[in-house]
Amino acid sequence: MNKSYTKAERTRNFIIESTAVIFNKKGYAGTSLTDLTNATGLTKGSIYGNFENKEEVAVAVFDYNCSRIARLTSQEVNQATTCYDKLMAYVRVYQTIIKETMNRGGCPVLNTATEADDTNGLLRKRAANAVLTWEGDLTTIIKKGILNGEFKTNIDPRKTALSIIALIEGGIMISKVTGDATAMDHILSTVETLIDQIER
């Protein structure tokens, strides 16, 4: 059943979707009210009639950008039947979406964490929570893989999870700054090797 949205909800969603790439590319500080009105075709009053301020728009956009990636990842992970395949699902997702991610300005978590580190506590907290959720998901998969005999018993689940995240986020950063999407292929190959090495 399709969810029925009110006019206000439809307008909010329109603003979020229309400004998602702009915020991701230009950042919170670099995105102006003029950028928002140009992207949406709405007036300042219309935007601030739906959001209290630019920060509220930025937070909603961050959640939207992250949810797009999370949705793709969860679909792949849920289809996998083994813990090994669930970890490899992250490789498959980022192999598939790297070009789109670059076109949209890179990873919203990495972009937001870099920009908001010392300037915007709310956005920094949002980015931190996204990383912690990702870490928790990977750690859970790895622990389950150890319990069911797929993975070696002497590995550190959290250390492995953080290594996977660091490699993927680092790969996105390198691909973005150099404009070379193939760099991500090499780094994802290293992620595959890491996963292979923990398998029993």
N, C-alpha and C. Protein backbone atom coordinates (compact mmCIF):
# COMPACT_ATOMS: atom_id res chain seq x y z
N MET A 1 0.84 -1.20 0.00
CA MET A 1 0.00 0.00 0.00
C MET A 1 0.88 1.25 0.00
N ASN A 2 0.58 2.18 -0.91
CA ASN A 2 1.36 3.40 -1.00
C ASN A 2 1.00 4.34 0.14
N LYS A 3 2.03 4.92 0.72
CA LYS A 3 1.80 5.87 1.81
C LYS A 3 1.25 7.16 1.24
N SER A 4 0.23 7.70 1.90
CA SER A 4 -0.37 8.95 1.48
C SER A 4 0.30 10.11 2.22
N TYR A 5 0.88 11.03 1.45
CA TYR A 5 1.58 12.17 2.04
C TYR A 5 0.69 13.41 2.02
N THR A 6 0.82 14.22 3.05
CA THR A 6 0.14 15.50 3.06
C THR A 6 0.89 16.45 2.12
N LYS A 7 0.26 17.59 1.81
CA LYS A 7 0.91 18.57 0.95
C LYS A 7 2.21 19.06 1.58
N ALA A 8 2.19 19.28 2.90
CA ALA A 8 3.40 19.75 3.60
C ALA A 8 4.51 18.71 3.52
N GLU A 9 4.16 17.44 3.68
CA GLU A 9 5.16 16.37 3.61
C GLU A 9 5.72 16.25 2.20
N ARG A 10 4.86 16.39 1.21
CA ARG A 10 5.33 16.33 -0.19
C ARG A 10 6.29 17.48 -0.48
N THR A 11 5.97 18.67 0.05
CA THR A 11 6.85 19.82 -0.17
C THR A 11 8.19 19.62 0.52
N ARG A 12 8.17 19.14 1.76
CA ARG A 12 9.42 18.86 2.49
C ARG A 12 10.27 17.85 1.72
N ASN A 13 9.64 16.77 1.25
CA ASN A 13 10.37 15.75 0.51
C ASN A 13 10.94 16.32 -0.79
N PHE A 14 10.18 17.18 -1.45
CA PHE A 14 10.65 17.82 -2.68
C PHE A 14 11.88 18.67 -2.41
N ILE A 15 11.85 19.44 -1.33
CA ILE A 15 12.99 20.28 -0.98
C ILE A 15 14.22 19.41 -0.69
N ILE A 16 14.02 18.36 0.08
CA ILE A 16 15.13 17.46 0.44
C ILE A 16 15.74 16.83 -0.81
N GLU A 17 14.89 16.26 -1.67
CA GLU A 17 15.38 15.58 -2.86
C GLU A 17 16.04 16.55 -3.84
N SER A 18 15.50 17.76 -3.93
CA SER A 18 16.03 18.75 -4.87
C SER A 18 17.37 19.32 -4.44
N THR A 19 17.63 19.34 -3.15
CA THR A 19 18.86 19.95 -2.64
C THR A 19 19.89 18.92 -2.17
N ALA A 20 19.58 17.63 -2.29
CA ALA A 20 20.46 16.58 -1.76
C ALA A 20 21.86 16.62 -2.37
N VAL A 21 21.93 16.74 -3.69
CA VAL A 21 23.23 16.74 -4.36
C VAL A 21 23.99 18.03 -4.05
N ILE A 22 23.28 19.14 -3.97
CA ILE A 22 23.93 20.43 -3.70
C ILE A 22 24.62 20.42 -2.34
N PHE A 23 23.89 20.01 -1.31
CA PHE A 23 24.48 19.95 0.02
C PHE A 23 25.66 18.98 0.05
N ASN A 24 25.53 17.85 -0.65
CA ASN A 24 26.59 16.86 -0.62
C ASN A 24 27.84 17.36 -1.34
N LYS A 25 27.65 18.15 -2.38
CA LYS A 25 28.79 18.66 -3.14
C LYS A 25 29.40 19.91 -2.51
N LYS A 26 28.56 20.82 -2.05
CA LYS A 26 29.05 22.11 -1.57
C LYS A 26 29.21 22.18 -0.06
N GLY A 27 28.58 21.21 0.65
CA GLY A 27 28.66 21.23 2.11
C GLY A 27 27.65 22.18 2.72
N TYR A 28 27.54 22.09 4.04
CA TYR A 28 26.58 22.94 4.75
C TYR A 28 26.97 24.41 4.64
N ALA A 29 28.22 24.72 4.92
CA ALA A 29 28.67 26.12 4.90
C ALA A 29 28.63 26.70 3.50
N GLY A 30 28.93 25.87 2.50
CA GLY A 30 29.02 26.36 1.12
C GLY A 30 27.69 26.47 0.40
N THR A 31 26.64 25.90 0.98
CA THR A 31 25.32 25.94 0.36
C THR A 31 24.57 27.17 0.87
N SER A 32 24.15 28.01 -0.05
CA SER A 32 23.47 29.25 0.32
C SER A 32 21.96 29.11 0.15
N LEU A 33 21.23 30.06 0.70
CA LEU A 33 19.78 30.07 0.52
C LEU A 33 19.43 30.22 -0.95
N THR A 34 20.24 30.97 -1.69
CA THR A 34 20.02 31.12 -3.12
C THR A 34 20.14 29.78 -3.83
N ASP A 35 21.10 28.95 -3.40
CA ASP A 35 21.22 27.60 -3.96
C ASP A 35 19.94 26.82 -3.75
N LEU A 36 19.35 26.95 -2.56
CA LEU A 36 18.14 26.20 -2.24
C LEU A 36 16.95 26.69 -3.07
N THR A 37 16.82 28.01 -3.21
CA THR A 37 15.69 28.54 -3.98
C THR A 37 15.86 28.23 -5.47
N ASN A 38 17.11 28.28 -5.96
CA ASN A 38 17.35 27.95 -7.37
C ASN A 38 17.06 26.48 -7.67
N ALA A 39 17.46 25.61 -6.76
CA ALA A 39 17.27 24.17 -6.97
C ALA A 39 15.81 23.75 -6.90
N THR A 40 15.05 24.42 -6.05
CA THR A 40 13.66 24.02 -5.84
C THR A 40 12.65 24.86 -6.63
N GLY A 41 13.06 26.07 -6.99
CA GLY A 41 12.11 26.98 -7.63
C GLY A 41 11.14 27.59 -6.63
N LEU A 42 11.41 27.37 -5.34
CA LEU A 42 10.54 27.89 -4.28
C LEU A 42 11.12 29.19 -3.72
N THR A 43 10.28 29.94 -3.04
CA THR A 43 10.74 31.17 -2.41
C THR A 43 11.39 30.85 -1.07
N LYS A 44 12.10 31.83 -0.53
CA LYS A 44 12.69 31.69 0.80
C LYS A 44 11.61 31.37 1.83
N GLY A 45 10.47 32.06 1.70
CA GLY A 45 9.37 31.84 2.63
C GLY A 45 8.83 30.42 2.57
N SER A 46 8.77 29.85 1.36
CA SER A 46 8.28 28.48 1.21
C SER A 46 9.22 27.49 1.87
N ILE A 47 10.53 27.71 1.69
CA ILE A 47 11.50 26.80 2.28
C ILE A 47 11.47 26.89 3.80
N TYR A 48 11.49 28.12 4.31
CA TYR A 48 11.50 28.29 5.76
C TYR A 48 10.12 28.13 6.38
N GLY A 49 9.11 27.94 5.53
CA GLY A 49 7.80 27.57 6.04
C GLY A 49 7.73 26.08 6.33
N ASN A 50 8.68 25.34 5.74
CA ASN A 50 8.72 23.88 5.93
C ASN A 50 9.89 23.43 6.80
N PHE A 51 10.91 24.26 6.90
CA PHE A 51 12.08 23.97 7.74
C PHE A 51 12.39 25.21 8.57
N GLU A 52 12.83 24.97 9.79
CA GLU A 52 13.10 26.10 10.69
C GLU A 52 14.27 26.94 10.21
N ASN A 53 15.30 26.28 9.66
CA ASN A 53 16.49 26.99 9.19
C ASN A 53 17.27 26.09 8.24
N LYS A 54 18.39 26.61 7.74
CA LYS A 54 19.20 25.85 6.78
C LYS A 54 19.76 24.58 7.41
N GLU A 55 20.10 24.65 8.69
CA GLU A 55 20.64 23.47 9.37
C GLU A 55 19.64 22.32 9.38
N GLU A 56 18.38 22.64 9.59
CA GLU A 56 17.36 21.60 9.59
C GLU A 56 17.23 20.96 8.22
N VAL A 57 17.35 21.76 7.17
CA VAL A 57 17.35 21.21 5.81
C VAL A 57 18.56 20.30 5.62
N ALA A 58 19.72 20.77 6.06
CA ALA A 58 20.97 20.00 5.90
C ALA A 58 20.90 18.66 6.61
N VAL A 59 20.33 18.63 7.81
CA VAL A 59 20.21 17.39 8.57
C VAL A 59 19.27 16.42 7.85
N ALA A 60 18.15 16.94 7.36
CA ALA A 60 17.19 16.11 6.63
C ALA A 60 17.81 15.56 5.35
N VAL A 61 18.59 16.39 4.67
CA VAL A 61 19.28 15.96 3.45
C VAL A 61 20.33 14.90 3.77
N PHE A 62 21.08 15.08 4.86
CA PHE A 62 22.07 14.07 5.26
C PHE A 62 21.39 12.73 5.49
N ASP A 63 20.28 12.74 6.23
CA ASP A 63 19.54 11.50 6.49
C ASP A 63 19.07 10.87 5.19
N TYR A 64 18.60 11.70 4.27
CA TYR A 64 18.12 11.20 2.97
C TYR A 64 19.26 10.58 2.17
N ASN A 65 20.39 11.28 2.09
CA ASN A 65 21.52 10.75 1.33
C ASN A 65 22.04 9.44 1.92
N CYS A 66 22.10 9.37 3.24
CA CYS A 66 22.57 8.14 3.89
C CYS A 66 21.58 7.00 3.70
N SER A 67 20.30 7.32 3.75
CA SER A 67 19.28 6.27 3.63
C SER A 67 19.29 5.63 2.25
N ARG A 68 19.65 6.40 1.23
CA ARG A 68 19.74 5.84 -0.13
C ARG A 68 20.78 4.74 -0.18
N ILE A 69 21.95 5.00 0.39
CA ILE A 69 23.03 4.01 0.40
C ILE A 69 22.67 2.84 1.31
N ALA A 70 22.11 3.16 2.48
CA ALA A 70 21.74 2.11 3.43
C ALA A 70 20.70 1.17 2.85
N ARG A 71 19.77 1.71 2.10
CA ARG A 71 18.72 0.89 1.49
C ARG A 71 19.32 -0.08 0.47
N LEU A 72 20.21 0.40 -0.35
CA LEU A 72 20.86 -0.47 -1.34
C LEU A 72 21.68 -1.56 -0.65
N THR A 73 22.39 -1.17 0.40
CA THR A 73 23.22 -2.13 1.12
C THR A 73 22.38 -3.19 1.80
N SER A 74 21.31 -2.76 2.48
CA SER A 74 20.49 -3.73 3.21
C SER A 74 19.83 -4.73 2.27
N GLN A 75 19.48 -4.28 1.07
CA GLN A 75 18.89 -5.19 0.09
C GLN A 75 19.87 -6.30 -0.26
N GLU A 76 21.12 -5.93 -0.52
CA GLU A 76 22.14 -6.91 -0.86
C GLU A 76 22.46 -7.83 0.33
N VAL A 77 22.61 -7.23 1.51
CA VAL A 77 22.95 -8.00 2.71
C VAL A 77 21.83 -9.00 3.04
N ASN A 78 20.59 -8.56 2.95
CA ASN A 78 19.47 -9.43 3.30
C ASN A 78 19.30 -10.59 2.32
N GLN A 79 19.75 -10.41 1.08
CA GLN A 79 19.65 -11.48 0.10
C GLN A 79 20.75 -12.53 0.30
N ALA A 80 21.83 -12.14 0.95
CA ALA A 80 22.96 -13.07 1.17
C ALA A 80 22.57 -14.08 2.25
N THR A 81 23.02 -15.32 2.07
CA THR A 81 22.64 -16.38 3.01
C THR A 81 23.73 -16.71 4.01
N THR A 82 24.97 -16.36 3.73
CA THR A 82 26.07 -16.63 4.66
C THR A 82 26.65 -15.31 5.15
N CYS A 83 27.33 -15.36 6.27
CA CYS A 83 27.98 -14.16 6.81
C CYS A 83 29.08 -13.67 5.88
N TYR A 84 29.78 -14.60 5.27
CA TYR A 84 30.82 -14.25 4.29
C TYR A 84 30.20 -13.46 3.15
N ASP A 85 29.09 -13.95 2.61
CA ASP A 85 28.44 -13.26 1.50
C ASP A 85 27.85 -11.92 1.93
N LYS A 86 27.43 -11.83 3.19
CA LYS A 86 26.89 -10.57 3.69
C LYS A 86 27.99 -9.49 3.72
N LEU A 87 29.19 -9.88 4.12
CA LEU A 87 30.30 -8.92 4.10
C LEU A 87 30.66 -8.55 2.67
N MET A 88 30.67 -9.54 1.80
CA MET A 88 30.99 -9.28 0.39
C MET A 88 29.92 -8.42 -0.27
N ALA A 89 28.72 -8.40 0.30
CA ALA A 89 27.66 -7.57 -0.25
C ALA A 89 28.05 -6.09 -0.24
N TYR A 90 28.81 -5.70 0.79
CA TYR A 90 29.26 -4.30 0.86
C TYR A 90 30.20 -3.97 -0.30
N VAL A 91 31.02 -4.94 -0.66
CA VAL A 91 31.92 -4.75 -1.81
C VAL A 91 31.09 -4.59 -3.08
N ARG A 92 30.09 -5.45 -3.26
CA ARG A 92 29.26 -5.40 -4.46
C ARG A 92 28.51 -4.07 -4.56
N VAL A 93 27.99 -3.61 -3.44
CA VAL A 93 27.23 -2.35 -3.45
C VAL A 93 28.12 -1.18 -3.87
N TYR A 94 29.31 -1.09 -3.28
CA TYR A 94 30.17 0.05 -3.59
C TYR A 94 30.83 -0.07 -4.96
N GLN A 95 30.97 -1.29 -5.47
CA GLN A 95 31.42 -1.44 -6.85
C GLN A 95 30.37 -0.89 -7.80
N THR A 96 29.11 -1.08 -7.44
CA THR A 96 27.99 -0.67 -8.29
C THR A 96 27.72 0.83 -8.22
N ILE A 97 27.82 1.40 -7.03
CA ILE A 97 27.36 2.79 -6.86
C ILE A 97 28.48 3.81 -6.86
N ILE A 98 29.73 3.39 -7.03
CA ILE A 98 30.84 4.35 -6.91
C ILE A 98 30.72 5.51 -7.89
N LYS A 99 30.35 5.24 -9.15
CA LYS A 99 30.26 6.33 -10.12
C LYS A 99 29.11 7.26 -9.77
N GLU A 100 27.99 6.69 -9.36
CA GLU A 100 26.86 7.53 -8.97
C GLU A 100 27.21 8.35 -7.73
N THR A 101 27.93 7.72 -6.79
CA THR A 101 28.34 8.42 -5.58
C THR A 101 29.24 9.60 -5.92
N MET A 102 30.15 9.39 -6.87
CA MET A 102 31.04 10.48 -7.28
C MET A 102 30.23 11.62 -7.93
N ASN A 103 29.26 11.24 -8.76
CA ASN A 103 28.44 12.25 -9.43
C ASN A 103 27.61 13.06 -8.44
N ARG A 104 27.30 12.43 -7.32
CA ARG A 104 26.49 13.11 -6.30
C ARG A 104 27.35 13.80 -5.26
N GLY A 105 28.67 13.84 -5.47
CA GLY A 105 29.55 14.58 -4.58
C GLY A 105 30.30 13.75 -3.56
N GLY A 106 30.19 12.42 -3.65
CA GLY A 106 30.93 11.56 -2.73
C GLY A 106 30.04 11.02 -1.62
N CYS A 107 30.68 10.47 -0.61
CA CYS A 107 29.96 9.85 0.51
C CYS A 107 29.46 10.92 1.48
N PRO A 108 28.15 10.95 1.78
CA PRO A 108 27.63 11.97 2.69
C PRO A 108 28.23 11.89 4.09
N VAL A 109 28.55 10.68 4.55
CA VAL A 109 29.13 10.54 5.88
C VAL A 109 30.52 11.16 5.92
N LEU A 110 31.35 10.82 4.94
CA LEU A 110 32.70 11.34 4.88
C LEU A 110 32.69 12.86 4.70
N ASN A 111 31.86 13.34 3.79
CA ASN A 111 31.78 14.78 3.54
C ASN A 111 31.35 15.54 4.79
N THR A 112 30.31 15.03 5.43
CA THR A 112 29.77 15.72 6.60
C THR A 112 30.74 15.64 7.78
N ALA A 113 31.35 14.48 7.98
CA ALA A 113 32.30 14.34 9.09
C ALA A 113 33.48 15.28 8.93
N THR A 114 33.95 15.45 7.70
CA THR A 114 35.09 16.32 7.44
C THR A 114 34.73 17.78 7.67
N GLU A 115 33.59 18.19 7.13
CA GLU A 115 33.20 19.60 7.23
C GLU A 115 32.72 19.98 8.62
N ALA A 116 31.93 19.11 9.26
CA ALA A 116 31.25 19.49 10.50
C ALA A 116 32.03 19.14 11.75
N ASP A 117 33.24 18.66 11.59
CA ASP A 117 34.03 18.20 12.74
C ASP A 117 34.07 19.23 13.86
N ASP A 118 34.38 20.47 13.52
CA ASP A 118 34.50 21.51 14.54
C ASP A 118 33.50 22.64 14.37
N THR A 119 32.65 22.54 13.36
CA THR A 119 31.79 23.68 13.05
C THR A 119 30.31 23.45 13.31
N ASN A 120 29.86 22.20 13.24
CA ASN A 120 28.44 21.94 13.40
C ASN A 120 28.24 20.64 14.18
N GLY A 121 27.96 20.78 15.46
CA GLY A 121 27.85 19.62 16.33
C GLY A 121 26.73 18.67 15.96
N LEU A 122 25.61 19.21 15.48
CA LEU A 122 24.48 18.36 15.13
C LEU A 122 24.80 17.47 13.93
N LEU A 123 25.38 18.07 12.90
CA LEU A 123 25.75 17.28 11.72
C LEU A 123 26.87 16.29 12.04
N ARG A 124 27.82 16.73 12.88
CA ARG A 124 28.91 15.82 13.26
C ARG A 124 28.35 14.61 14.00
N LYS A 125 27.38 14.84 14.87
CA LYS A 125 26.76 13.74 15.61
C LYS A 125 26.03 12.80 14.67
N ARG A 126 25.35 13.37 13.66
CA ARG A 126 24.64 12.54 12.68
C ARG A 126 25.63 11.64 11.94
N ALA A 127 26.78 12.23 11.53
CA ALA A 127 27.80 11.45 10.82
C ALA A 127 28.38 10.37 11.72
N ALA A 128 28.64 10.72 12.98
CA ALA A 128 29.18 9.74 13.94
C ALA A 128 28.22 8.58 14.14
N ASN A 129 26.93 8.89 14.26
CA ASN A 129 25.93 7.83 14.45
C ASN A 129 25.86 6.91 13.25
N ALA A 130 26.03 7.48 12.04
CA ALA A 130 26.01 6.66 10.83
C ALA A 130 27.18 5.69 10.82
N VAL A 131 28.36 6.18 11.21
CA VAL A 131 29.54 5.31 11.25
C VAL A 131 29.37 4.23 12.32
N LEU A 132 28.87 4.61 13.49
CA LEU A 132 28.69 3.65 14.57
C LEU A 132 27.66 2.58 14.21
N THR A 133 26.61 2.99 13.50
CA THR A 133 25.61 2.01 13.05
C THR A 133 26.22 1.03 12.07
N TRP A 134 27.00 1.55 11.12
CA TRP A 134 27.69 0.71 10.14
C TRP A 134 28.65 -0.25 10.85
N GLU A 135 29.42 0.29 11.78
CA GLU A 135 30.34 -0.55 12.55
C GLU A 135 29.59 -1.65 13.29
N GLY A 136 28.47 -1.29 13.90
CA GLY A 136 27.69 -2.27 14.64
C GLY A 136 27.14 -3.36 13.75
N ASP A 137 26.66 -2.98 12.56
CA ASP A 137 26.12 -3.97 11.62
C ASP A 137 27.19 -4.96 11.19
N LEU A 138 28.37 -4.44 10.84
CA LEU A 138 29.46 -5.31 10.40
C LEU A 138 29.95 -6.21 11.55
N THR A 139 30.07 -5.63 12.73
CA THR A 139 30.54 -6.40 13.88
C THR A 139 29.59 -7.55 14.19
N THR A 140 28.29 -7.28 14.09
CA THR A 140 27.29 -8.32 14.34
C THR A 140 27.43 -9.46 13.34
N ILE A 141 27.62 -9.13 12.07
CA ILE A 141 27.80 -10.15 11.03
C ILE A 141 29.04 -10.98 11.31
N ILE A 142 30.13 -10.32 11.66
CA ILE A 142 31.39 -11.03 11.90
C ILE A 142 31.28 -11.94 13.13
N LYS A 143 30.67 -11.45 14.20
CA LYS A 143 30.49 -12.27 15.40
C LYS A 143 29.65 -13.51 15.10
N LYS A 144 28.60 -13.32 14.32
CA LYS A 144 27.75 -14.45 13.95
C LYS A 144 28.54 -15.45 13.10
N GLY A 145 29.39 -14.91 12.20
CA GLY A 145 30.22 -15.77 11.36
C GLY A 145 31.21 -16.59 12.17
N ILE A 146 31.70 -16.02 13.26
CA ILE A 146 32.61 -16.76 14.15
C ILE A 146 31.84 -17.88 14.85
N LEU A 147 30.65 -17.55 15.34
CA LEU A 147 29.84 -18.52 16.07
C LEU A 147 29.41 -19.70 15.20
N ASN A 148 29.10 -19.42 13.93
CA ASN A 148 28.64 -20.53 13.08
C ASN A 148 29.77 -21.22 12.31
N GLY A 149 31.01 -20.83 12.65
CA GLY A 149 32.16 -21.54 12.09
C GLY A 149 32.64 -21.05 10.73
N GLU A 150 32.09 -19.95 10.24
CA GLU A 150 32.53 -19.41 8.94
C GLU A 150 33.87 -18.68 9.06
N PHE A 151 34.05 -17.96 10.17
CA PHE A 151 35.24 -17.13 10.34
C PHE A 151 36.13 -17.68 11.45
N LYS A 152 37.40 -17.32 11.38
CA LYS A 152 38.37 -17.74 12.38
C LYS A 152 37.99 -17.20 13.75
N THR A 153 38.31 -17.97 14.78
CA THR A 153 37.92 -17.58 16.14
C THR A 153 38.87 -16.56 16.77
N ASN A 154 40.05 -16.39 16.19
CA ASN A 154 41.03 -15.49 16.80
C ASN A 154 41.01 -14.07 16.23
N ILE A 155 40.00 -13.76 15.43
CA ILE A 155 39.93 -12.41 14.86
C ILE A 155 39.17 -11.48 15.81
N ASP A 156 39.44 -10.20 15.69
CA ASP A 156 38.77 -9.17 16.48
C ASP A 156 37.65 -8.58 15.61
N PRO A 157 36.37 -8.87 15.94
CA PRO A 157 35.26 -8.42 15.09
C PRO A 157 35.23 -6.90 14.88
N ARG A 158 35.44 -6.14 15.96
CA ARG A 158 35.36 -4.68 15.83
C ARG A 158 36.52 -4.14 14.99
N LYS A 159 37.70 -4.67 15.21
CA LYS A 159 38.86 -4.23 14.44
C LYS A 159 38.65 -4.51 12.96
N THR A 160 38.12 -5.68 12.66
CA THR A 160 37.86 -6.04 11.26
C THR A 160 36.80 -5.13 10.66
N ALA A 161 35.73 -4.86 11.42
CA ALA A 161 34.66 -3.99 10.94
C ALA A 161 35.19 -2.59 10.64
N LEU A 162 35.98 -2.05 11.57
CA LEU A 162 36.54 -0.71 11.37
C LEU A 162 37.48 -0.67 10.17
N SER A 163 38.22 -1.74 9.95
CA SER A 163 39.14 -1.80 8.81
C SER A 163 38.37 -1.76 7.50
N ILE A 164 37.26 -2.50 7.44
CA ILE A 164 36.43 -2.50 6.23
C ILE A 164 35.88 -1.11 5.96
N ILE A 165 35.36 -0.47 7.01
CA ILE A 165 34.81 0.88 6.86
C ILE A 165 35.89 1.87 6.41
N ALA A 166 37.05 1.79 7.05
CA ALA A 166 38.14 2.72 6.72
C ALA A 166 38.59 2.55 5.27
N LEU A 167 38.68 1.32 4.81
CA LEU A 167 39.07 1.07 3.42
C LEU A 167 38.04 1.62 2.44
N ILE A 168 36.77 1.35 2.70
CA ILE A 168 35.73 1.82 1.78
C ILE A 168 35.65 3.34 1.76
N GLU A 169 35.63 3.96 2.94
CA GLU A 169 35.55 5.41 2.99
C GLU A 169 36.82 6.05 2.41
N GLY A 170 37.95 5.44 2.69
CA GLY A 170 39.20 5.95 2.11
C GLY A 170 39.22 5.83 0.60
N GLY A 171 38.66 4.73 0.11
CA GLY A 171 38.58 4.54 -1.34
C GLY A 171 37.72 5.59 -2.00
N ILE A 172 36.60 5.91 -1.37
CA ILE A 172 35.72 6.95 -1.90
C ILE A 172 36.44 8.30 -1.91
N MET A 173 37.14 8.59 -0.83
CA MET A 173 37.86 9.86 -0.73
C MET A 173 38.93 9.97 -1.82
N ILE A 174 39.70 8.91 -2.01
CA ILE A 174 40.77 8.93 -3.02
C ILE A 174 40.17 9.06 -4.41
N SER A 175 39.10 8.31 -4.67
CA SER A 175 38.46 8.38 -5.99
C SER A 175 37.92 9.77 -6.26
N LYS A 176 37.35 10.39 -5.22
CA LYS A 176 36.77 11.72 -5.39
C LYS A 176 37.84 12.77 -5.63
N VAL A 177 38.89 12.76 -4.82
CA VAL A 177 39.90 13.81 -4.90
C VAL A 177 40.75 13.70 -6.16
N THR A 178 40.92 12.45 -6.66
CA THR A 178 41.73 12.25 -7.86
C THR A 178 40.89 12.19 -9.13
N GLY A 179 39.59 12.01 -8.96
CA GLY A 179 38.72 11.86 -10.13
C GLY A 179 38.89 10.52 -10.81
N ASP A 180 39.49 9.57 -10.11
CA ASP A 180 39.78 8.25 -10.69
C ASP A 180 38.95 7.19 -9.98
N ALA A 181 37.83 6.80 -10.59
CA ALA A 181 36.94 5.81 -9.97
C ALA A 181 37.58 4.43 -9.90
N THR A 182 38.60 4.18 -10.74
CA THR A 182 39.24 2.86 -10.72
C THR A 182 40.03 2.63 -9.44
N ALA A 183 40.40 3.72 -8.75
CA ALA A 183 41.09 3.56 -7.47
C ALA A 183 40.23 2.78 -6.49
N MET A 184 38.93 2.99 -6.57
CA MET A 184 38.01 2.28 -5.69
C MET A 184 38.04 0.78 -5.97
N ASP A 185 38.21 0.39 -7.23
CA ASP A 185 38.28 -1.04 -7.58
C ASP A 185 39.46 -1.70 -6.86
N HIS A 186 40.60 -1.03 -6.85
CA HIS A 186 41.79 -1.59 -6.20
C HIS A 186 41.57 -1.73 -4.69
N ILE A 187 40.94 -0.72 -4.10
CA ILE A 187 40.73 -0.74 -2.66
C ILE A 187 39.68 -1.76 -2.28
N LEU A 188 38.63 -1.89 -3.08
CA LEU A 188 37.62 -2.91 -2.81
C LEU A 188 38.20 -4.31 -2.96
N SER A 189 39.19 -4.45 -3.83
CA SER A 189 39.89 -5.73 -3.94
C SER A 189 40.61 -6.07 -2.64
N THR A 190 41.14 -5.04 -1.98
CA THR A 190 41.79 -5.24 -0.68
C THR A 190 40.77 -5.63 0.38
N VAL A 191 39.57 -5.05 0.30
CA VAL A 191 38.50 -5.43 1.23
C VAL A 191 38.15 -6.90 1.04
N GLU A 192 38.07 -7.33 -0.22
CA GLU A 192 37.79 -8.74 -0.50
C GLU A 192 38.87 -9.64 0.10
N THR A 193 40.13 -9.22 -0.04
CA THR A 193 41.24 -10.00 0.52
C THR A 193 41.13 -10.09 2.02
N LEU A 194 40.78 -8.98 2.65
CA LEU A 194 40.61 -8.95 4.11
C LEU A 194 39.53 -9.93 4.55
N ILE A 195 38.42 -9.93 3.84
CA ILE A 195 37.32 -10.85 4.18
C ILE A 195 37.74 -12.31 3.95
N ASP A 196 38.46 -12.54 2.85
CA ASP A 196 38.95 -13.90 2.57
C ASP A 196 39.88 -14.39 3.69
N GLN A 197 40.66 -13.47 4.24
CA GLN A 197 41.65 -13.84 5.25
C GLN A 197 41.02 -14.24 6.59
N ILE A 198 39.82 -13.75 6.87
CA ILE A 198 39.19 -14.12 8.13
C ILE A 198 38.34 -15.39 8.01
N GLU A 199 38.17 -15.85 6.77
CA GLU A 199 37.38 -17.06 6.56
C GLU A 199 38.16 -18.28 7.01
N ARG A 200 37.48 -19.22 7.58
CA ARG A 200 38.13 -20.46 8.04
C ARG A 200 38.42 -21.38 6.87
